[in-house]
N, C-alpha and C. Protein backbone atom coordinates (compact mmCIF):
# COMPACT_ATOMS: atom_id res chain seq x y z
N GLN A 1 -46.49 23.88 -29.02
CA GLN A 1 -47.60 23.30 -28.35
C GLN A 1 -46.56 21.60 -26.81
N THR A 2 -46.55 21.89 -26.18
CA THR A 2 -45.34 20.20 -25.61
C THR A 2 -47.03 19.75 -24.92
N TRP A 3 -45.89 18.04 -25.33
CA TRP A 3 -46.09 16.94 -25.07
C TRP A 3 -46.73 16.90 -23.65
N PRO A 4 -47.91 16.73 -22.99
CA PRO A 4 -47.58 16.18 -21.51
C PRO A 4 -46.65 15.22 -21.11
N GLY A 5 -45.79 14.42 -21.87
CA GLY A 5 -45.25 13.51 -21.31
C GLY A 5 -44.16 14.06 -21.31
N LYS A 6 -43.67 15.10 -22.15
CA LYS A 6 -41.98 15.61 -21.35
C LYS A 6 -41.74 16.15 -20.62
N LYS A 7 -42.79 16.70 -20.24
CA LYS A 7 -42.28 17.79 -18.78
C LYS A 7 -41.96 16.44 -17.94
N VAL A 8 -42.49 15.41 -17.97
CA VAL A 8 -41.96 14.62 -17.01
C VAL A 8 -41.15 13.43 -16.77
N GLU A 9 -40.76 13.63 -18.45
CA GLU A 9 -39.07 13.22 -19.30
C GLU A 9 -38.23 14.12 -18.70
N THR A 10 -38.55 15.86 -18.72
CA THR A 10 -37.47 16.12 -18.15
C THR A 10 -36.98 16.46 -17.06
N GLU A 11 -38.63 16.36 -15.94
CA GLU A 11 -38.53 15.92 -14.44
C GLU A 11 -37.19 15.06 -14.12
N LEU A 12 -37.69 13.55 -14.69
CA LEU A 12 -36.77 12.82 -14.21
C LEU A 12 -35.70 12.38 -14.53
N HIS A 13 -35.33 13.12 -16.10
CA HIS A 13 -33.35 13.57 -16.22
C HIS A 13 -33.29 14.73 -15.14
N TYR A 14 -33.89 15.49 -15.20
CA TYR A 14 -33.23 16.52 -14.51
C TYR A 14 -33.06 15.65 -12.38
N ALA A 15 -34.04 14.98 -11.89
CA ALA A 15 -33.88 14.60 -10.98
C ALA A 15 -33.00 13.15 -11.19
N GLY A 16 -32.58 13.16 -12.27
CA GLY A 16 -31.58 11.61 -12.48
C GLY A 16 -29.83 12.20 -12.31
N LYS A 17 -30.18 13.34 -13.10
CA LYS A 17 -28.88 13.89 -13.07
C LYS A 17 -28.51 14.30 -11.40
N LYS A 18 -29.50 15.37 -11.37
CA LYS A 18 -29.06 15.23 -9.47
C LYS A 18 -28.72 14.36 -8.55
N LEU A 19 -29.37 13.66 -8.67
CA LEU A 19 -29.36 12.37 -8.37
C LEU A 19 -27.79 11.46 -8.66
N LEU A 20 -27.30 11.42 -9.51
CA LEU A 20 -25.82 11.24 -9.86
C LEU A 20 -25.12 11.95 -9.23
N LEU A 21 -25.17 12.94 -9.40
CA LEU A 21 -23.96 14.25 -8.97
C LEU A 21 -23.70 14.13 -7.40
N SER A 22 -24.88 13.59 -6.40
CA SER A 22 -25.14 13.87 -4.80
C SER A 22 -24.03 12.56 -4.91
N LEU A 23 -24.28 11.10 -5.37
CA LEU A 23 -23.75 10.08 -5.44
C LEU A 23 -22.70 10.01 -5.66
N THR A 24 -22.32 10.58 -6.50
CA THR A 24 -20.54 10.44 -6.96
C THR A 24 -20.29 11.78 -5.80
N LEU A 25 -20.70 13.12 -5.75
CA LEU A 25 -20.24 13.35 -4.08
C LEU A 25 -19.77 12.72 -3.44
N ALA A 26 -20.86 11.89 -3.00
CA ALA A 26 -21.17 11.33 -1.55
C ALA A 26 -19.82 9.79 -1.52
N VAL A 27 -19.24 9.43 -3.08
CA VAL A 27 -19.04 8.59 -2.92
C VAL A 27 -17.28 9.41 -2.87
N LEU A 28 -16.80 10.13 -3.38
CA LEU A 28 -16.15 10.91 -3.10
C LEU A 28 -15.78 11.23 -2.02
N ILE A 29 -16.06 12.09 -1.47
CA ILE A 29 -16.38 12.33 -0.04
C ILE A 29 -15.89 11.53 0.94
N CYS A 30 -16.06 10.21 0.99
CA CYS A 30 -16.21 9.29 1.62
C CYS A 30 -15.12 8.22 1.15
N SER A 31 -14.82 8.11 0.20
CA SER A 31 -12.55 7.66 0.06
C SER A 31 -12.04 8.35 0.37
N LEU A 32 -12.44 9.90 0.36
CA LEU A 32 -11.12 11.01 0.74
C LEU A 32 -10.86 10.53 2.46
N ILE A 33 -12.23 10.42 3.14
CA ILE A 33 -12.04 9.93 4.60
C ILE A 33 -11.26 8.94 5.15
N PHE A 34 -12.32 8.08 4.18
CA PHE A 34 -11.20 6.51 4.32
C PHE A 34 -10.20 6.52 4.11
N LEU A 35 -9.26 7.22 2.91
CA LEU A 35 -7.76 7.48 2.65
C LEU A 35 -7.13 7.97 3.68
N GLU A 36 -7.87 9.31 4.31
CA GLU A 36 -7.08 9.93 5.82
C GLU A 36 -6.94 9.30 7.10
N THR A 37 -8.01 8.38 7.01
CA THR A 37 -8.80 7.86 8.61
C THR A 37 -8.35 6.69 8.25
N ALA A 38 -8.61 5.47 7.77
CA ALA A 38 -8.16 3.78 7.93
C ALA A 38 -7.04 3.55 7.11
N HIS A 39 -7.18 3.99 5.61
CA HIS A 39 -6.14 3.44 4.79
C HIS A 39 -4.75 4.27 5.27
N GLY A 40 -4.49 5.76 5.21
CA GLY A 40 -3.68 5.79 6.15
C GLY A 40 -2.59 6.54 4.91
N TYR A 41 -2.02 6.67 4.71
CA TYR A 41 -0.50 7.67 4.31
C TYR A 41 0.51 7.03 4.89
N GLY A 42 2.04 6.76 4.50
CA GLY A 42 2.75 6.05 4.96
C GLY A 42 4.51 6.79 4.56
N TYR A 43 5.33 5.73 4.19
CA TYR A 43 6.20 6.14 4.06
C TYR A 43 7.29 5.80 2.71
N LYS A 44 7.80 5.83 1.94
CA LYS A 44 8.86 5.20 1.05
C LYS A 44 10.11 5.07 2.01
N ILE A 45 10.69 4.18 2.42
CA ILE A 45 12.19 4.02 3.43
C ILE A 45 13.12 3.03 2.32
N ASN A 46 14.33 3.94 1.93
CA ASN A 46 15.39 3.21 0.82
C ASN A 46 16.11 2.87 2.01
N THR A 47 16.66 1.25 2.19
CA THR A 47 17.36 0.61 3.01
C THR A 47 19.07 0.47 1.77
N VAL A 48 19.31 -0.59 3.49
CA VAL A 48 20.83 -0.42 2.15
C VAL A 48 20.32 -1.79 0.94
N GLU A 49 21.42 -1.88 0.33
CA GLU A 49 21.90 -2.86 -0.82
C GLU A 49 20.61 -2.65 -2.45
N ASN A 50 20.20 -0.98 -1.96
CA ASN A 50 19.46 -0.79 -3.72
C ASN A 50 18.07 -1.10 -3.31
N THR A 51 17.52 -1.16 -1.75
CA THR A 51 16.42 -1.98 -1.61
C THR A 51 15.33 -0.95 -1.07
N ALA A 52 14.11 -0.68 -1.33
CA ALA A 52 13.28 -0.02 -0.36
C ALA A 52 11.96 -0.34 -0.14
N PHE A 53 11.00 0.39 0.69
CA PHE A 53 9.64 -0.28 1.66
C PHE A 53 8.94 0.84 1.51
N ARG A 54 7.96 0.24 1.92
CA ARG A 54 6.67 1.60 2.80
C ARG A 54 6.28 0.58 3.22
N SER A 55 6.36 1.71 4.54
CA SER A 55 5.54 1.61 5.85
C SER A 55 4.87 2.44 6.21
N SER A 56 4.06 2.55 7.22
CA SER A 56 3.66 3.07 8.08
C SER A 56 4.11 4.69 8.92
N PHE A 57 5.44 3.90 9.12
CA PHE A 57 6.44 4.70 10.10
C PHE A 57 7.68 4.81 9.37
N THR A 58 8.38 6.35 9.34
CA THR A 58 9.41 6.43 8.75
C THR A 58 10.88 5.40 9.30
N ALA A 59 12.14 5.50 8.86
CA ALA A 59 12.29 4.89 9.28
C ALA A 59 12.75 4.83 11.01
N GLU A 60 13.44 6.06 11.17
CA GLU A 60 13.47 6.34 12.91
C GLU A 60 12.73 5.96 13.77
N GLU A 61 10.89 6.10 13.12
CA GLU A 61 9.66 5.32 14.01
C GLU A 61 9.98 3.66 14.18
N LEU A 62 10.28 3.33 13.12
CA LEU A 62 10.61 1.65 12.83
C LEU A 62 12.03 0.96 13.78
N ALA A 63 12.98 2.46 14.10
CA ALA A 63 14.00 1.59 15.25
C ALA A 63 13.49 2.09 16.37
N LYS A 64 12.52 2.84 16.54
CA LYS A 64 12.20 3.01 17.78
C LYS A 64 10.98 2.31 18.51
N LEU A 65 10.77 1.43 17.25
CA LEU A 65 9.47 0.51 17.97
C LEU A 65 10.11 -0.85 17.62
N ASN A 66 11.29 -1.08 16.96
CA ASN A 66 12.10 -2.18 17.02
C ASN A 66 12.22 -2.60 18.17
N GLU A 67 12.71 -1.47 18.96
CA GLU A 67 13.13 -1.82 20.57
C GLU A 67 11.97 -1.46 21.42
N ASP A 68 11.19 -0.44 20.88
CA ASP A 68 9.53 -1.25 22.32
C ASP A 68 9.38 -2.40 22.18
N TYR A 69 9.25 -3.26 20.69
CA TYR A 69 9.27 -4.60 20.17
C TYR A 69 9.92 -5.75 21.60
N ALA A 70 11.59 -5.39 21.36
CA ALA A 70 12.26 -5.91 22.48
C ALA A 70 11.62 -5.70 23.73
N ASP A 71 11.81 -4.61 23.96
CA ASP A 71 11.29 -4.54 25.59
C ASP A 71 9.99 -5.25 26.15
N LYS A 72 9.26 -5.53 24.97
CA LYS A 72 8.07 -6.11 25.18
C LYS A 72 6.91 -4.99 25.70
N LYS A 73 7.39 -3.85 25.05
CA LYS A 73 5.98 -2.80 25.26
C LYS A 73 4.48 -3.09 24.27
N GLU A 74 3.80 -2.80 24.77
CA GLU A 74 2.85 -2.75 23.73
C GLU A 74 1.78 -1.38 23.46
N SER A 75 1.44 -1.32 22.60
CA SER A 75 0.50 0.03 22.11
C SER A 75 0.03 -0.24 20.56
N SER A 76 -0.46 0.29 20.12
CA SER A 76 -1.47 0.55 18.75
C SER A 76 -0.20 0.58 17.49
N ALA A 77 0.43 1.48 17.87
CA ALA A 77 1.72 1.05 16.82
C ALA A 77 2.34 -0.13 16.80
N ILE A 78 2.88 -0.37 17.72
CA ILE A 78 3.36 -1.93 17.89
C ILE A 78 2.82 -3.50 17.06
N SER A 79 1.57 -3.25 17.41
CA SER A 79 0.52 -3.88 16.13
C SER A 79 0.20 -3.18 14.65
N SER A 80 0.78 -2.50 14.60
CA SER A 80 1.08 -2.38 13.17
C SER A 80 2.28 -2.50 12.90
N PHE A 81 3.30 -2.63 13.77
CA PHE A 81 4.92 -2.74 13.12
C PHE A 81 4.79 -4.40 13.30
N VAL A 82 3.68 -5.14 14.21
CA VAL A 82 4.07 -6.40 13.51
C VAL A 82 3.43 -7.11 12.44
N ASN A 83 2.27 -6.11 12.11
CA ASN A 83 1.46 -6.79 11.16
C ASN A 83 2.59 -6.58 10.25
N GLU A 84 3.46 -5.42 9.73
CA GLU A 84 4.28 -5.10 8.66
C GLU A 84 5.39 -6.00 8.76
N ALA A 85 5.80 -6.43 9.57
CA ALA A 85 6.86 -7.74 10.04
C ALA A 85 6.50 -8.92 9.36
N GLU A 86 5.01 -9.26 10.09
CA GLU A 86 4.72 -10.73 10.16
C GLU A 86 4.54 -10.67 7.79
N ARG A 87 4.23 -9.44 7.69
CA ARG A 87 3.88 -9.55 5.96
C ARG A 87 4.96 -9.47 5.29
N HIS A 88 6.23 -8.90 5.65
CA HIS A 88 7.81 -9.18 5.00
C HIS A 88 8.22 -10.55 5.22
N LEU A 89 7.74 -11.22 6.48
CA LEU A 89 8.45 -12.00 6.15
C LEU A 89 7.55 -13.18 5.76
N PHE A 90 6.14 -13.22 5.75
CA PHE A 90 5.59 -14.07 4.96
C PHE A 90 5.83 -13.87 3.11
N GLN A 91 6.38 -12.41 2.59
CA GLN A 91 6.63 -12.37 1.46
C GLN A 91 8.41 -13.67 1.37
N ARG A 92 9.01 -12.73 2.25
CA ARG A 92 10.99 -13.81 2.66
C ARG A 92 10.45 -14.88 1.83
N ASN A 93 9.20 -16.04 2.77
CA ASN A 93 9.54 -17.11 2.60
C ASN A 93 8.64 -17.98 1.71
N LEU A 94 7.73 -17.17 1.35
CA LEU A 94 7.73 -17.15 -0.12
C LEU A 94 8.26 -17.31 -1.35
N TYR A 95 9.19 -15.92 -1.06
CA TYR A 95 10.54 -15.78 -2.49
C TYR A 95 11.28 -17.42 -2.17
N ALA A 96 11.49 -17.04 -0.88
CA ALA A 96 12.55 -18.89 -0.81
C ALA A 96 12.25 -20.00 -1.56
N SER A 97 10.45 -20.20 -0.96
CA SER A 97 10.07 -21.66 -1.01
C SER A 97 9.41 -21.89 -2.29
N LYS A 98 8.63 -21.16 -2.98
CA LYS A 98 7.79 -21.27 -4.07
C LYS A 98 8.32 -21.60 -5.23
N ALA A 99 7.78 -22.58 -5.80
CA ALA A 99 8.31 -22.91 -7.49
C ALA A 99 7.13 -21.94 -7.77
N PHE A 100 8.05 -21.02 -9.00
CA PHE A 100 7.17 -20.38 -9.61
C PHE A 100 7.04 -20.93 -11.27
N PRO A 101 6.45 -21.34 -11.83
CA PRO A 101 5.60 -21.53 -12.83
C PRO A 101 6.38 -20.56 -14.01
N ALA A 102 7.30 -21.51 -14.94
CA ALA A 102 8.17 -20.59 -16.19
C ALA A 102 7.26 -21.13 -17.38
N ARG A 103 7.14 -19.81 -18.40
CA ARG A 103 6.53 -20.12 -19.64
C ARG A 103 6.92 -21.41 -20.47
N ASN A 104 8.17 -21.57 -20.12
CA ASN A 104 8.94 -22.90 -20.96
C ASN A 104 8.62 -24.05 -20.48
N GLY A 105 7.59 -23.97 -19.11
CA GLY A 105 7.24 -25.77 -18.49
C GLY A 105 7.92 -25.94 -17.09
N LYS A 106 9.11 -24.89 -16.73
CA LYS A 106 9.93 -25.41 -15.51
C LYS A 106 9.46 -24.53 -15.00
N VAL A 107 10.12 -24.68 -13.77
CA VAL A 107 9.80 -23.71 -12.44
C VAL A 107 10.78 -23.03 -12.24
N TYR A 108 10.51 -21.81 -11.31
CA TYR A 108 11.82 -20.68 -10.69
C TYR A 108 11.48 -20.34 -9.65
N TYR A 109 12.26 -19.71 -8.78
CA TYR A 109 12.59 -19.14 -7.37
C TYR A 109 12.52 -17.34 -7.38
N GLU A 110 12.24 -17.31 -6.56
CA GLU A 110 12.66 -15.91 -5.99
C GLU A 110 13.46 -15.50 -4.99
N HIS A 111 14.80 -15.59 -5.30
CA HIS A 111 15.75 -15.99 -4.18
C HIS A 111 16.37 -14.89 -3.95
N GLY A 112 16.56 -14.17 -5.46
CA GLY A 112 16.80 -12.17 -4.60
C GLY A 112 16.06 -11.70 -4.33
N LYS A 113 14.36 -12.03 -4.06
CA LYS A 113 13.68 -10.79 -3.53
C LYS A 113 13.24 -11.69 -2.46
N SER A 114 13.47 -13.22 -2.08
CA SER A 114 13.64 -13.19 -0.70
C SER A 114 14.65 -12.54 0.09
N LEU A 115 16.38 -12.52 -0.62
CA LEU A 115 17.22 -11.90 -0.08
C LEU A 115 17.31 -10.37 0.21
N LYS A 116 16.63 -9.84 -0.68
CA LYS A 116 16.06 -8.45 -0.61
C LYS A 116 14.73 -8.18 0.87
N GLU A 117 13.71 -9.32 1.33
CA GLU A 117 13.21 -9.14 2.05
C GLU A 117 13.30 -8.89 3.37
N ASN A 118 14.66 -10.26 3.11
CA ASN A 118 15.26 -10.50 4.29
C ASN A 118 16.29 -8.92 5.11
N ILE A 119 16.88 -8.47 3.92
CA ILE A 119 17.64 -7.05 4.63
C ILE A 119 16.57 -6.85 5.13
N ILE A 120 15.74 -6.33 4.85
CA ILE A 120 14.27 -5.56 5.24
C ILE A 120 14.24 -5.58 6.85
N LEU A 121 13.72 -7.33 6.91
CA LEU A 121 12.94 -7.84 7.99
C LEU A 121 14.68 -7.20 9.17
N GLU A 122 15.53 -7.77 8.26
CA GLU A 122 17.05 -7.66 10.00
C GLU A 122 17.31 -6.53 9.86
N LYS A 123 17.13 -5.22 8.55
CA LYS A 123 17.48 -3.63 9.32
C LYS A 123 16.21 -3.49 10.16
N HIS A 124 14.91 -3.73 9.81
CA HIS A 124 13.98 -2.69 10.52
C HIS A 124 13.14 -3.42 11.11
N TYR A 125 13.05 -4.67 11.72
CA TYR A 125 12.37 -5.61 12.11
C TYR A 125 12.99 -7.00 13.38
N MET A 126 13.95 -6.74 13.42
CA MET A 126 15.38 -7.22 13.76
C MET A 126 14.78 -8.05 15.58
N ALA A 127 13.68 -7.22 16.30
CA ALA A 127 13.36 -7.79 17.19
C ALA A 127 12.65 -9.06 17.07
N TYR A 128 11.43 -8.64 16.14
CA TYR A 128 10.49 -9.51 15.93
C TYR A 128 11.28 -11.25 15.26
N LEU A 129 12.23 -10.70 14.31
CA LEU A 129 12.26 -11.92 13.84
C LEU A 129 13.37 -12.88 14.77
N LYS A 130 14.25 -12.38 15.78
CA LYS A 130 14.21 -12.65 17.34
C LYS A 130 13.44 -13.80 17.71
N GLU A 131 12.10 -12.62 18.20
CA GLU A 131 11.24 -13.33 19.15
C GLU A 131 10.31 -14.45 18.32
N ARG A 132 10.71 -14.70 17.08
CA ARG A 132 9.60 -15.38 16.08
C ARG A 132 10.49 -16.64 15.85
N GLY A 133 12.02 -16.60 16.23
CA GLY A 133 12.98 -17.32 15.66
C GLY A 133 12.72 -17.59 14.51
N ALA A 134 12.64 -16.55 13.58
CA ALA A 134 12.69 -16.83 12.01
C ALA A 134 14.41 -16.11 11.62
N LEU A 135 15.55 -15.79 12.30
CA LEU A 135 16.51 -15.77 11.74
C LEU A 135 16.69 -16.56 10.92
N TRP A 136 17.16 -16.78 9.78
CA TRP A 136 17.85 -17.72 8.79
C TRP A 136 19.29 -17.96 9.70
N ASN A 137 19.41 -19.61 9.89
CA ASN A 137 20.43 -20.09 10.11
C ASN A 137 21.84 -19.85 8.94
N ASP A 138 23.02 -20.43 8.78
CA ASP A 138 24.58 -19.91 7.71
C ASP A 138 23.38 -21.10 7.08
N SER A 139 23.47 -21.59 6.95
CA SER A 139 23.05 -23.16 5.54
C SER A 139 21.99 -22.00 4.44
N MET A 140 21.20 -21.68 5.40
CA MET A 140 19.65 -21.10 4.20
C MET A 140 20.30 -19.25 3.93
N ARG A 141 21.13 -18.73 4.47
CA ARG A 141 21.80 -17.40 4.40
C ARG A 141 22.96 -18.03 3.42
N THR A 142 23.61 -18.50 3.50
CA THR A 142 24.50 -19.16 2.37
C THR A 142 23.52 -18.89 0.67
N HIS A 143 22.83 -20.55 1.14
CA HIS A 143 22.19 -20.57 -0.27
C HIS A 143 20.97 -19.86 -0.37
N ILE A 144 20.46 -18.87 0.15
CA ILE A 144 20.02 -18.15 -0.76
C ILE A 144 20.83 -16.50 -1.20
N THR A 145 21.86 -16.19 -0.74
CA THR A 145 22.64 -15.11 -0.77
C THR A 145 23.37 -15.79 -2.37
N LYS A 146 23.60 -17.08 -2.39
CA LYS A 146 24.05 -17.35 -3.24
C LYS A 146 23.14 -17.94 -4.65
N LYS A 147 22.47 -17.87 -4.55
CA LYS A 147 21.72 -18.06 -5.89
C LYS A 147 20.59 -16.46 -5.59
N GLY A 148 20.28 -15.42 -5.06
CA GLY A 148 19.54 -14.53 -5.40
C GLY A 148 20.91 -12.86 -5.28
N ALA A 149 22.13 -13.34 -4.82
CA ALA A 149 22.81 -12.23 -5.06
C ALA A 149 22.40 -11.44 -6.36
N TRP A 150 22.45 -11.90 -7.38
CA TRP A 150 22.45 -11.21 -8.67
C TRP A 150 21.32 -10.06 -8.47
N LEU A 151 20.19 -9.71 -7.41
CA LEU A 151 19.49 -8.83 -7.67
C LEU A 151 19.96 -7.49 -6.33
N LEU A 152 21.14 -8.12 -5.61
CA LEU A 152 21.55 -6.90 -4.46
C LEU A 152 22.06 -5.46 -5.28
N SER A 153 22.60 -5.15 -6.32
CA SER A 153 23.09 -4.79 -7.25
C SER A 153 21.68 -3.62 -7.84
N LYS A 154 20.64 -4.58 -8.06
CA LYS A 154 19.58 -3.98 -8.66
C LYS A 154 18.40 -2.73 -7.81
N PRO A 155 18.52 -2.32 -7.79
CA PRO A 155 17.26 -1.58 -7.55
C PRO A 155 15.87 -2.07 -7.65
N TRP A 156 15.03 -2.19 -5.86
CA TRP A 156 13.84 -3.12 -5.79
C TRP A 156 13.23 -2.82 -4.91
N THR A 157 12.03 -2.46 -4.61
CA THR A 157 10.90 -2.32 -3.98
C THR A 157 9.88 -3.48 -3.30
N SER A 158 9.99 -3.46 -2.09
CA SER A 158 9.00 -4.82 -1.61
C SER A 158 7.48 -4.40 -2.55
N ARG A 159 6.34 -5.48 -2.29
CA ARG A 159 4.99 -5.49 -2.56
C ARG A 159 4.79 -5.17 -1.62
N VAL A 160 5.13 -5.16 -0.24
CA VAL A 160 4.22 -5.17 0.99
C VAL A 160 3.87 -3.72 1.24
N LYS A 161 2.54 -3.15 1.42
CA LYS A 161 1.72 -2.23 1.38
C LYS A 161 2.40 -0.87 0.38
N GLU A 162 1.77 -1.86 -1.12
CA GLU A 162 2.29 -1.24 -2.22
C GLU A 162 1.83 0.00 -2.87
N THR A 163 0.41 -0.66 -1.79
CA THR A 163 -0.77 0.54 -2.91
C THR A 163 -0.96 1.34 -1.71
N MET A 164 -0.44 1.86 0.13
CA MET A 164 0.33 2.91 0.25
C MET A 164 0.21 3.80 -0.53
N PHE A 165 -0.17 5.45 -0.05
CA PHE A 165 0.21 6.76 -0.85
C PHE A 165 1.45 6.93 -0.01
N THR A 166 2.48 7.44 -0.21
CA THR A 166 3.89 7.64 0.60
C THR A 166 3.59 9.32 0.85
N ASP A 167 4.30 9.75 2.00
CA ASP A 167 4.08 10.95 2.11
C ASP A 167 4.40 12.14 1.29
N THR A 168 5.05 11.23 -0.37
CA THR A 168 5.63 12.14 -1.29
C THR A 168 4.27 13.10 -2.16
N ASN A 169 3.62 11.81 -1.87
CA ASN A 169 2.12 12.20 -2.86
C ASN A 169 0.98 12.43 -2.15
N LYS A 170 0.85 12.59 -1.45
CA LYS A 170 -0.20 12.81 -0.29
C LYS A 170 -1.21 13.84 -0.78
N TRP A 171 -0.29 15.21 -0.54
CA TRP A 171 -1.07 15.98 -1.21
C TRP A 171 -1.24 16.03 -2.49
N ALA A 172 -0.78 15.24 -3.55
CA ALA A 172 -1.10 14.97 -5.11
C ALA A 172 -2.33 14.67 -4.50
N VAL A 173 -3.13 13.77 -4.14
CA VAL A 173 -3.90 12.84 -4.14
C VAL A 173 -4.90 13.57 -3.05
N ARG A 174 -4.99 14.43 -2.55
CA ARG A 174 -5.25 15.64 -1.70
C ARG A 174 -6.18 16.72 -2.57
N ILE A 175 -4.86 17.29 -3.60
CA ILE A 175 -5.24 18.05 -4.37
C ILE A 175 -6.53 17.47 -5.86
N ILE A 176 -5.99 16.57 -6.34
CA ILE A 176 -7.12 15.80 -7.51
C ILE A 176 -8.50 15.47 -6.44
N PHE A 177 -8.74 14.92 -5.44
CA PHE A 177 -9.78 14.94 -4.81
C PHE A 177 -10.53 16.38 -4.38
N ALA A 178 -10.00 17.33 -3.84
CA ALA A 178 -10.62 18.44 -3.97
C ALA A 178 -11.32 19.15 -4.87
N ALA A 179 -9.83 19.15 -5.91
CA ALA A 179 -10.35 19.46 -7.61
C ALA A 179 -11.64 18.79 -8.50
N ALA A 180 -12.00 17.43 -7.66
CA ALA A 180 -12.69 16.43 -8.75
C ALA A 180 -14.23 17.11 -7.61
N ILE A 181 -13.73 17.35 -6.07
CA ILE A 181 -15.05 17.44 -5.37
C ILE A 181 -15.26 19.60 -6.06
N LEU A 182 -14.68 19.79 -6.17
CA LEU A 182 -14.76 21.02 -6.21
C LEU A 182 -15.50 21.24 -7.85
N LEU A 183 -15.08 20.49 -9.10
CA LEU A 183 -15.30 20.85 -10.73
C LEU A 183 -16.56 20.17 -10.68
N LEU A 184 -17.18 18.87 -10.13
CA LEU A 184 -17.75 17.92 -10.65
C LEU A 184 -19.33 19.04 -10.86
N PRO A 185 -19.87 19.25 -9.92
CA PRO A 185 -20.42 20.11 -10.07
C PRO A 185 -21.21 21.25 -11.24
N LEU A 186 -19.79 21.69 -11.83
CA LEU A 186 -19.94 23.04 -12.59
C LEU A 186 -20.60 22.32 -14.10
N PRO A 187 -20.97 21.33 -14.63
CA PRO A 187 -21.98 21.38 -15.50
C PRO A 187 -23.27 20.96 -15.05
N PHE A 188 -23.66 20.99 -13.73
CA PHE A 188 -24.68 21.23 -13.40
C PHE A 188 -25.38 22.22 -13.16
N VAL A 189 -24.13 23.37 -13.22
CA VAL A 189 -24.27 25.03 -12.86
C VAL A 189 -25.62 25.82 -13.63
N GLY A 190 -26.89 26.17 -13.75
CA GLY A 190 -27.90 26.44 -14.71
C GLY A 190 -28.28 25.80 -15.11
N LEU A 191 -28.27 24.56 -14.77
CA LEU A 191 -29.04 23.46 -15.50
C LEU A 191 -30.48 23.43 -14.75
N LYS A 192 -31.29 23.87 -15.27
CA LYS A 192 -32.25 23.99 -14.83
C LYS A 192 -33.97 22.92 -15.64
N ARG A 193 -34.63 22.41 -14.48
CA ARG A 193 -35.85 22.13 -14.95
C ARG A 193 -36.99 22.99 -15.91
N SER A 194 -37.59 22.40 -16.81
CA SER A 194 -38.16 23.12 -17.87
C SER A 194 -39.37 22.67 -17.86
């Protein structure tokens, strides 16, 4: 003989699992839609001096946007181009000027990283640098190059847009989401109310 509260407990257990499954699927689907539309995918660009960075654009598209920016053309792509340039410029200036605390109580500067960010800016965002008056003068270039040259021979990737999924892993992300959406309901198949 079943106790009357047992049926209520089973109904709540079933309803709770169904709700959890529904919410989890909704979160996965919304996350995938966000990745596909708002966050987007991009490209990892290997440029000169063992330097790499992520961008919403290919190297060829950046070259065209650099020309368009110099010609004062406007578009949503130009806005994204400017946003990327601003972020690289911020990182370059931060690495050049901020004293980072070291474990021994002293400070250090990231001149090598500043030099690498400048390489990215001069190669792919030169029109923006010129328009902003943000090109390094000879004194600054000499100072940063002297202090940061040790990093030139080492592979390095900029932090700008580091959370961006690149074109190479786009399909892996899509497959993982699709598998999760399709496989998640399996434990619930055959789950019945008692």
